[in-house]
Amino acid sequence: MRLYVASSWRNNLQPHVVNVLRVEGHEVYDFRNPAPGNHGFSWASIDEAWQAWSVEAYARALRHPIAQGGFDLDFGAMRWADGCVLVLPSGRSAHVEFGWMLGAGKPGVVLMAGRDEPELMYLLAGAAPIAPDLPSLIRWANTGGSPC
């Protein structure tokens, strides 16, 4: 499968998930390294003081060429991918990406390899949307997105 791995920059498991899926023979988009020489989008690449932005400054930053370039890479990969893996814990962007993928009719699975807060709407991914560990995730991917 061609897989989009959605997660958080703060999630230390994300690089391992990308590598394991690649070893299994899947093509995997890595938002941390989306293209040769590109180490992913960061708000700090627009402004080191991004955490102090006003709502108006944030809205302007969304139109910045660096933000648009990061969005284009990620959204292009979402369209390219056959399915989505949401690696918990993750934040808002990853959940929006996961939801978009499901809405586009692509299979998705949530990797919840540890304790995390339950979420009812993960049922949008199907009857068995949770992979409790990497072997379950690999089975899901190797069967083309069948339930875990």
C-alpha atoms as a PDB file:
ATOM      1  CA  MET A   1       0.000   0.000   0.000  1.00  0.00           C
ATOM      2  CA  ARG A   2       0.925   3.639  -0.386  1.00  0.00           C
ATOM      3  CA  LEU A   3       0.472   4.965   3.139  1.00  0.00           C
ATOM      4  CA  TYR A   4       0.178   8.382   4.701  1.00  0.00           C
ATOM      5  CA  VAL A   5       1.363   8.290   8.307  1.00  0.00           C
ATOM      6  CA  ALA A   6      -0.320  11.078  10.265  1.00  0.00           C
ATOM      7  CA  SER A   7       1.072  11.937  13.687  1.00  0.00           C
ATOM      8  CA  SER A   8       2.759  14.629  15.734  1.00  0.00           C
ATOM      9  CA  TRP A   9       6.264  16.009  15.615  1.00  0.00           C
ATOM     10  CA  ARG A  10       6.327  15.206  19.347  1.00  0.00           C
ATOM     11  CA  ASN A  11       5.541  11.517  18.759  1.00  0.00           C
ATOM     12  CA  ASN A  12       8.809   9.582  18.970  1.00  0.00           C
ATOM     13  CA  LEU A  13       7.181   6.411  17.596  1.00  0.00           C
ATOM     14  CA  GLN A  14       6.390   7.994  14.197  1.00  0.00           C
ATOM     15  CA  PRO A  15       9.848   7.460  12.601  1.00  0.00           C
ATOM     16  CA  HIS A  16       9.849   3.810  13.697  1.00  0.00           C
ATOM     17  CA  VAL A  17       6.375   3.248  12.224  1.00  0.00           C
ATOM     18  CA  VAL A  18       7.502   4.761   8.905  1.00  0.00           C
ATOM     19  CA  ASN A  19      10.580   2.514   8.839  1.00  0.00           C
ATOM     20  CA  VAL A  20       8.717  -0.679   9.788  1.00  0.00           C
ATOM     21  CA  LEU A  21       6.099  -0.117   7.098  1.00  0.00           C
ATOM     22  CA  ARG A  22       8.811   0.528   4.509  1.00  0.00           C
ATOM     23  CA  VAL A  23      10.652  -2.657   5.510  1.00  0.00           C
ATOM     24  CA  GLU A  24       7.340  -4.481   4.923  1.00  0.00           C
ATOM     25  CA  GLY A  25       7.406  -3.182   1.338  1.00  0.00           C
ATOM     26  CA  HIS A  26       4.947  -0.290   1.581  1.00  0.00           C
ATOM     27  CA  GLU A  27       5.515   3.147   0.115  1.00  0.00           C
ATOM     28  CA  VAL A  28       5.209   5.575   3.015  1.00  0.00           C
ATOM     29  CA  TYR A  29       4.979   9.360   3.116  1.00  0.00           C
ATOM     30  CA  ASP A  30       7.003  10.809   5.981  1.00  0.00           C
ATOM     31  CA  PHE A  31       5.972  14.367   6.841  1.00  0.00           C
ATOM     32  CA  ARG A  32       9.290  14.797   8.682  1.00  0.00           C
ATOM     33  CA  ASN A  33      11.183  14.134   5.438  1.00  0.00           C
ATOM     34  CA  PRO A  34       8.654  14.722   2.646  1.00  0.00           C
ATOM     35  CA  ALA A  35      11.139  15.220  -0.191  1.00  0.00           C
ATOM     36  CA  PRO A  36      14.892  14.922  -0.725  1.00  0.00           C
ATOM     37  CA  GLY A  37      16.612  17.658   1.273  1.00  0.00           C
ATOM     38  CA  ASN A  38      13.327  18.738   2.887  1.00  0.00           C
ATOM     39  CA  HIS A  39      12.945  18.099   6.608  1.00  0.00           C
ATOM     40  CA  GLY A  40       9.300  19.013   6.899  1.00  0.00           C
ATOM     41  CA  PHE A  41       7.289  22.115   7.595  1.00  0.00           C
ATOM     42  CA  SER A  42       7.801  24.154  10.742  1.00  0.00           C
ATOM     43  CA  TRP A  43       6.050  27.344  11.792  1.00  0.00           C
ATOM     44  CA  ALA A  44       9.455  28.515  13.071  1.00  0.00           C
ATOM     45  CA  SER A  45      10.694  28.572   9.468  1.00  0.00           C
ATOM     46  CA  ILE A  46       8.250  31.450   8.934  1.00  0.00           C
ATOM     47  CA  ASP A  47       8.817  33.222  12.258  1.00  0.00           C
ATOM     48  CA  GLU A  48      10.833  32.145  15.309  1.00  0.00           C
ATOM     49  CA  ALA A  49       8.230  33.932  17.485  1.00  0.00           C
ATOM     50  CA  TRP A  50       5.312  31.981  16.007  1.00  0.00           C
ATOM     51  CA  GLN A  51       4.011  30.926  19.435  1.00  0.00           C
ATOM     52  CA  ALA A  52       3.241  34.560  20.245  1.00  0.00           C
ATOM     53  CA  TRP A  53       1.209  35.194  17.081  1.00  0.00           C
ATOM     54  CA  SER A  54      -2.169  36.839  17.201  1.00  0.00           C
ATOM     55  CA  VAL A  55      -5.064  35.203  15.365  1.00  0.00           C
ATOM     56  CA  GLU A  56      -4.525  37.689  12.538  1.00  0.00           C
ATOM     57  CA  ALA A  57      -0.810  36.869  12.293  1.00  0.00           C
ATOM     58  CA  TYR A  58      -1.626  33.157  12.191  1.00  0.00           C
ATOM     59  CA  ALA A  59      -4.175  33.724   9.405  1.00  0.00           C
ATOM     60  CA  ARG A  60      -1.550  35.648   7.406  1.00  0.00           C
ATOM     61  CA  ALA A  61       1.037  32.898   8.021  1.00  0.00           C
ATOM     62  CA  LEU A  62      -1.278  30.315   6.474  1.00  0.00           C
ATOM     63  CA  ARG A  63      -0.851  32.216   3.194  1.00  0.00           C
ATOM     64  CA  HIS A  64       2.944  32.417   3.488  1.00  0.00           C
ATOM     65  CA  PRO A  65       4.785  30.605   0.645  1.00  0.00           C
ATOM     66  CA  ILE A  66       6.572  28.320   3.139  1.00  0.00           C
ATOM     67  CA  ALA A  67       3.246  27.273   4.704  1.00  0.00           C
ATOM     68  CA  GLN A  68       1.710  26.790   1.277  1.00  0.00           C
ATOM     69  CA  GLY A  69       4.663  24.644   0.195  1.00  0.00           C
ATOM     70  CA  GLY A  70       4.360  22.445   3.286  1.00  0.00           C
ATOM     71  CA  PHE A  71       0.627  22.106   2.770  1.00  0.00           C
ATOM     72  CA  ASP A  72       1.070  21.229  -0.904  1.00  0.00           C
ATOM     73  CA  LEU A  73       3.529  18.426  -0.078  1.00  0.00           C
ATOM     74  CA  ASP A  74       1.338  16.954   2.654  1.00  0.00           C
ATOM     75  CA  PHE A  75      -1.954  17.278   0.799  1.00  0.00           C
ATOM     76  CA  GLY A  76      -0.407  15.906  -2.385  1.00  0.00           C
ATOM     77  CA  ALA A  77       0.716  12.873  -0.391  1.00  0.00           C
ATOM     78  CA  MET A  78      -2.769  12.478   1.084  1.00  0.00           C
ATOM     79  CA  ARG A  79      -4.220  12.329  -2.435  1.00  0.00           C
ATOM     80  CA  TRP A  80      -1.454   9.909  -3.538  1.00  0.00           C
ATOM     81  CA  ALA A  81      -1.879   7.498  -0.623  1.00  0.00           C
ATOM     82  CA  ASP A  82      -4.119   4.430  -0.621  1.00  0.00           C
ATOM     83  CA  GLY A  83      -4.679   4.585   3.148  1.00  0.00           C
ATOM     84  CA  CYS A  84      -3.838   6.383   6.366  1.00  0.00           C
ATOM     85  CA  VAL A  85      -2.229   5.378   9.641  1.00  0.00           C
ATOM     86  CA  LEU A  86      -2.932   7.719  12.567  1.00  0.00           C
ATOM     87  CA  VAL A  87      -0.162   7.219  15.136  1.00  0.00           C
ATOM     88  CA  LEU A  88      -1.246   8.287  18.606  1.00  0.00           C
ATOM     89  CA  PRO A  89      -0.682  10.491  20.410  1.00  0.00           C
ATOM     90  CA  SER A  90      -1.193  13.102  17.753  1.00  0.00           C
ATOM     91  CA  GLY A  91      -2.642  16.535  17.367  1.00  0.00           C
ATOM     92  CA  ARG A  92      -5.169  18.484  15.386  1.00  0.00           C
ATOM     93  CA  SER A  93      -3.496  18.381  11.976  1.00  0.00           C
ATOM     94  CA  ALA A  94      -3.090  14.607  12.080  1.00  0.00           C
ATOM     95  CA  HIS A  95      -6.742  14.188  13.005  1.00  0.00           C
ATOM     96  CA  VAL A  96      -7.848  16.492  10.188  1.00  0.00           C
ATOM     97  CA  GLU A  97      -5.664  14.500   7.778  1.00  0.00           C
ATOM     98  CA  PHE A  98      -7.076  11.196   9.032  1.00  0.00           C
ATOM     99  CA  GLY A  99     -10.636  12.484   8.721  1.00  0.00           C
ATOM    100  CA  TRP A 100     -10.022  13.782   5.199  1.00  0.00           C
ATOM    101  CA  MET A 101      -8.583  10.424   4.156  1.00  0.00           C
ATOM    102  CA  LEU A 102     -11.596   8.560   5.538  1.00  0.00           C
ATOM    103  CA  GLY A 103     -13.953  11.041   3.864  1.00  0.00           C
ATOM    104  CA  ALA A 104     -12.138  10.407   0.586  1.00  0.00           C
ATOM    105  CA  GLY A 105     -13.023   6.724   0.940  1.00  0.00           C
ATOM    106  CA  LYS A 106      -9.542   5.556   1.877  1.00  0.00           C
ATOM    107  CA  PRO A 107      -9.036   2.977   4.639  1.00  0.00           C
ATOM    108  CA  GLY A 108      -7.573   4.160   7.892  1.00  0.00           C
ATOM    109  CA  VAL A 109      -6.329   2.686  11.119  1.00  0.00           C
ATOM    110  CA  VAL A 110      -5.395   4.188  14.473  1.00  0.00           C
ATOM    111  CA  LEU A 111      -2.186   2.879  16.034  1.00  0.00           C
ATOM    112  CA  MET A 112      -2.798   3.099  19.778  1.00  0.00           C
ATOM    113  CA  ALA A 113       0.308   1.340  21.050  1.00  0.00           C
ATOM    114  CA  GLY A 114      -0.165   2.621  24.588  1.00  0.00           C
ATOM    115  CA  ARG A 115      -2.809   4.146  26.769  1.00  0.00           C
ATOM    116  CA  ASP A 116      -4.620   7.035  25.143  1.00  0.00           C
ATOM    117  CA  GLU A 117      -7.963   8.735  25.488  1.00  0.00           C
ATOM    118  CA  PRO A 118     -10.805   6.865  23.742  1.00  0.00           C
ATOM    119  CA  GLU A 119     -12.439   8.577  20.766  1.00  0.00           C
ATOM    120  CA  LEU A 120     -15.879   7.549  19.535  1.00  0.00           C
ATOM    121  CA  MET A 121     -15.464   8.998  16.031  1.00  0.00           C
ATOM    122  CA  TYR A 122     -12.636   6.587  15.208  1.00  0.00           C
ATOM    123  CA  LEU A 123     -15.527   4.335  14.234  1.00  0.00           C
ATOM    124  CA  LEU A 124     -15.556   6.295  10.963  1.00  0.00           C
ATOM    125  CA  ALA A 125     -12.576   4.102  10.051  1.00  0.00           C
ATOM    126  CA  GLY A 126     -14.721   0.965  10.185  1.00  0.00           C
ATOM    127  CA  ALA A 127     -15.635  -1.805  12.566  1.00  0.00           C
ATOM    128  CA  ALA A 128     -12.115  -2.421  13.894  1.00  0.00           C
ATOM    129  CA  PRO A 129     -10.178   0.820  13.468  1.00  0.00           C
ATOM    130  CA  ILE A 130      -7.673   0.312  16.306  1.00  0.00           C
ATOM    131  CA  ALA A 131      -4.296  -1.404  15.967  1.00  0.00           C
ATOM    132  CA  PRO A 132      -2.985  -2.017  19.501  1.00  0.00           C
ATOM    133  CA  ASP A 133       0.566  -2.791  18.367  1.00  0.00           C
ATOM    134  CA  LEU A 134       2.901  -2.849  15.370  1.00  0.00           C
ATOM    135  CA  PRO A 135       2.137  -6.475  14.376  1.00  0.00           C
ATOM    136  CA  SER A 136      -1.571  -5.562  14.117  1.00  0.00           C
ATOM    137  CA  LEU A 137      -0.716  -2.473  12.082  1.00  0.00           C
ATOM    138  CA  ILE A 138       1.438  -4.546   9.723  1.00  0.00           C
ATOM    139  CA  ARG A 139      -1.391  -7.082   9.262  1.00  0.00           C
ATOM    140  CA  TRP A 140      -3.761  -4.204   8.452  1.00  0.00           C
ATOM    141  CA  ALA A 141      -1.361  -2.772   5.854  1.00  0.00           C
ATOM    142  CA  ASN A 142      -0.419  -6.146   4.370  1.00  0.00           C
ATOM    143  CA  THR A 143      -4.081  -7.000   3.797  1.00  0.00           C
ATOM    144  CA  GLY A 144      -4.842  -3.711   2.054  1.00  0.00           C
ATOM    145  CA  GLY A 145      -6.570  -2.072   4.985  1.00  0.00           C
ATOM    146  CA  SER A 146      -8.652  -4.965   6.304  1.00  0.00           C
ATOM    147  CA  PRO A 147      -9.757  -4.783   9.948  1.00  0.00           C
ATOM    148  CA  CYS A 148      -7.095  -5.542  12.548  1.00  0.00           C
END
